[in-house]
Amino acid sequence: MRREISLNINGTLHTATVPDRMLLVQFIRDVVGLKGTHIGCDTGHCGACTVIMDGVAVKSCLILAVQADGSNVMTIEGLSKEGKLDEIQEAFRDEFAVQCGYCTPGFIMLLHSLKLRGVGMSDDDIKDALVGNICRCNGYPLILRAARRILGRRQVG
């Protein structure tokens, strides 16, 4: 079966008729054409497909597009404004928290959702929050350093 859905993605309304079983990540990439949201595992384990849906970080490979009908979605492309990097993107650049870059959009979107909460986090809290995203290059120390910068906690010493 197919259904017509509408999603506001990065401030633009997108309406399409899609198969009931189409994943949100497929809608974002294949229908809308935004390729920054990556497909990693299709099982929700890696976090490469993380987007913000209605203010909450979600793994878009675990949500059907029809479930997201009517939602506001932000992808990595929606984070920078007028060609200027968001502070999270700047932190990743400045802290060299990018290796191959495949996991980077998912980590950045997760950190954006944590930043929206406006609560400072301890190192343990940050590590717990990041556990659902995988960096296969083992860039965790640099990612953690960028996360500390964003969430107001820097390692002492």
Protein backbone atom coordinates (compact mmCIF):
# COMPACT_ATOMS: atom_id res chain seq x y z
CA MET A 1 0.00 0.00 0.00
CA ARG A 2 1.00 3.62 -0.49
CA ARG A 3 0.09 6.75 1.43
CA GLU A 4 0.51 10.46 0.96
CA ILE A 5 2.57 12.03 3.73
CA SER A 6 3.86 15.51 4.48
CA LEU A 7 6.93 16.30 6.54
CA ASN A 8 8.56 19.61 7.31
CA ILE A 9 12.25 18.90 6.76
CA ASN A 10 14.68 21.69 7.59
CA GLY A 11 11.89 24.24 7.27
CA THR A 12 10.58 23.05 3.90
CA LEU A 13 7.36 21.08 3.50
CA HIS A 14 7.77 17.86 1.51
CA THR A 15 4.70 15.90 0.38
CA ALA A 16 4.91 12.57 -1.42
CA THR A 17 3.06 9.31 -1.86
CA VAL A 18 5.26 6.59 -0.44
CA PRO A 19 5.08 2.86 0.28
CA ASP A 20 3.83 2.09 3.79
CA ARG A 21 7.09 0.30 4.57
CA MET A 22 9.45 3.08 3.45
CA LEU A 23 11.81 4.12 6.22
CA LEU A 24 12.23 7.75 7.22
CA VAL A 25 15.91 7.58 6.26
CA GLN A 26 14.89 6.44 2.75
CA PHE A 27 12.38 9.29 2.49
CA ILE A 28 15.04 11.82 3.51
CA ARG A 29 17.66 10.47 1.14
CA ASP A 30 15.70 9.13 -1.83
CA VAL A 31 12.58 11.30 -1.97
CA VAL A 32 13.87 14.60 -0.59
CA GLY A 33 17.45 14.12 -1.85
CA LEU A 34 19.30 15.03 1.34
CA LYS A 35 22.28 12.68 1.49
CA GLY A 36 23.85 13.87 4.76
CA THR A 37 21.75 11.41 6.78
CA HIS A 38 23.68 8.18 6.34
CA ILE A 39 22.48 4.60 6.26
CA GLY A 40 24.80 2.47 8.34
CA CYS A 41 23.25 -0.63 9.78
CA ASP A 42 19.47 -0.46 9.18
CA THR A 43 19.02 -1.87 12.69
CA GLY A 44 19.37 1.20 14.91
CA HIS A 45 22.73 0.17 16.33
CA CYS A 46 25.13 2.61 14.68
CA GLY A 47 23.35 5.99 14.86
CA ALA A 48 24.60 7.21 11.46
CA CYS A 49 21.00 8.00 10.49
CA THR A 50 20.20 10.14 13.56
CA VAL A 51 17.96 13.14 12.88
CA ILE A 52 15.90 15.43 15.11
CA MET A 53 12.18 14.73 14.88
CA ASP A 54 9.89 17.08 16.78
CA GLY A 55 12.82 18.10 19.01
CA VAL A 56 14.04 14.59 19.83
CA ALA A 57 16.99 12.67 18.39
CA VAL A 58 15.74 9.56 16.58
CA LYS A 59 17.33 6.90 14.45
CA SER A 60 15.59 7.35 11.13
CA CYS A 61 16.20 3.74 10.08
CA LEU A 62 13.83 2.64 12.87
CA ILE A 63 10.90 4.89 11.90
CA LEU A 64 8.59 4.43 8.99
CA ALA A 65 8.07 7.55 6.90
CA VAL A 66 4.29 7.23 7.44
CA GLN A 67 4.90 7.34 11.22
CA ALA A 68 6.65 10.68 10.75
CA ASP A 69 3.75 12.19 8.78
CA GLY A 70 3.13 15.73 10.03
CA SER A 71 6.42 15.92 11.92
CA ASN A 72 9.16 18.52 11.89
CA VAL A 73 12.47 16.92 11.01
CA MET A 74 15.93 18.45 11.07
CA THR A 75 18.82 16.79 9.26
CA ILE A 76 22.49 17.71 9.26
CA GLU A 77 21.81 19.96 6.26
CA GLY A 78 19.45 22.06 8.37
CA LEU A 79 21.98 22.78 11.08
CA SER A 80 24.11 25.40 9.35
CA LYS A 81 22.51 28.75 8.54
CA GLU A 82 23.43 30.97 5.61
CA GLY A 83 26.62 29.00 4.99
CA LYS A 84 27.79 29.39 8.61
CA LEU A 85 28.56 26.26 10.57
CA ASP A 86 26.62 25.55 13.74
CA GLU A 87 28.70 25.57 16.93
CA ILE A 88 28.57 21.76 17.07
CA GLN A 89 29.95 21.51 13.54
CA GLU A 90 32.64 24.03 14.50
CA ALA A 91 33.53 21.99 17.59
CA PHE A 92 33.94 18.85 15.48
CA ARG A 93 36.16 20.77 13.05
CA ASP A 94 38.20 22.49 15.75
CA GLU A 95 38.67 19.34 17.85
CA PHE A 96 39.48 17.19 14.77
CA ALA A 97 36.55 14.91 15.69
CA VAL A 98 36.12 13.78 12.08
CA GLN A 99 38.01 10.88 10.62
CA CYS A 100 36.23 9.14 7.75
CA GLY A 101 33.15 11.29 8.52
CA TYR A 102 30.53 8.61 8.00
CA CYS A 103 29.29 8.69 11.60
CA THR A 104 29.71 12.44 12.01
CA PRO A 105 26.21 13.62 11.00
CA GLY A 106 24.61 11.20 13.46
CA PHE A 107 26.86 12.27 16.32
CA ILE A 108 26.31 15.95 15.54
CA MET A 109 22.53 15.59 15.44
CA LEU A 110 22.54 13.66 18.72
CA LEU A 111 24.65 16.38 20.36
CA HIS A 112 22.31 19.02 18.95
CA SER A 113 19.37 17.33 20.65
CA LEU A 114 21.30 17.20 23.93
CA LYS A 115 22.22 20.88 23.57
CA LEU A 116 18.53 21.73 23.07
CA ARG A 117 17.85 20.35 26.55
CA GLY A 118 20.09 23.08 27.96
CA VAL A 119 21.54 20.90 30.69
CA GLY A 120 25.27 20.52 31.39
CA MET A 121 26.46 16.95 31.46
CA SER A 122 29.26 15.12 33.24
CA ASP A 123 31.71 13.01 31.24
CA ASP A 124 29.85 9.87 32.31
CA ASP A 125 26.53 11.40 31.20
CA ILE A 126 28.03 12.30 27.81
CA LYS A 127 29.51 8.83 27.36
CA ASP A 128 26.16 7.26 28.26
CA ALA A 129 24.37 9.52 25.75
CA LEU A 130 26.82 8.69 22.95
CA VAL A 131 26.65 4.92 23.46
CA GLY A 132 23.99 4.53 20.74
CA ASN A 133 26.29 5.92 18.04
CA ILE A 134 29.26 4.05 16.64
CA CYS A 135 32.48 5.43 15.19
CA ARG A 136 34.24 2.61 13.38
CA CYS A 137 37.45 4.69 13.09
CA ASN A 138 37.69 4.86 16.89
CA GLY A 139 37.52 8.64 17.00
CA TYR A 140 35.78 8.61 20.38
CA PRO A 141 38.36 10.66 22.34
CA LEU A 142 38.06 13.53 19.85
CA ILE A 143 34.28 13.19 19.60
CA LEU A 144 34.08 13.26 23.40
CA ARG A 145 36.27 16.38 23.44
CA ALA A 146 33.92 18.11 20.97
CA ALA A 147 30.91 16.95 23.00
CA ARG A 148 32.42 18.39 26.20
CA ARG A 149 32.89 21.70 24.44
CA ILE A 150 29.23 21.79 23.37
CA LEU A 151 27.73 20.59 26.61
CA GLY A 152 29.78 22.88 28.83
CA ARG A 153 32.11 20.32 30.37
CA ARG A 154 35.79 20.26 29.57
CA GLN A 155 38.27 17.76 30.88
CA VAL A 156 40.56 19.25 33.50
CA GLY A 157 44.28 18.66 33.11
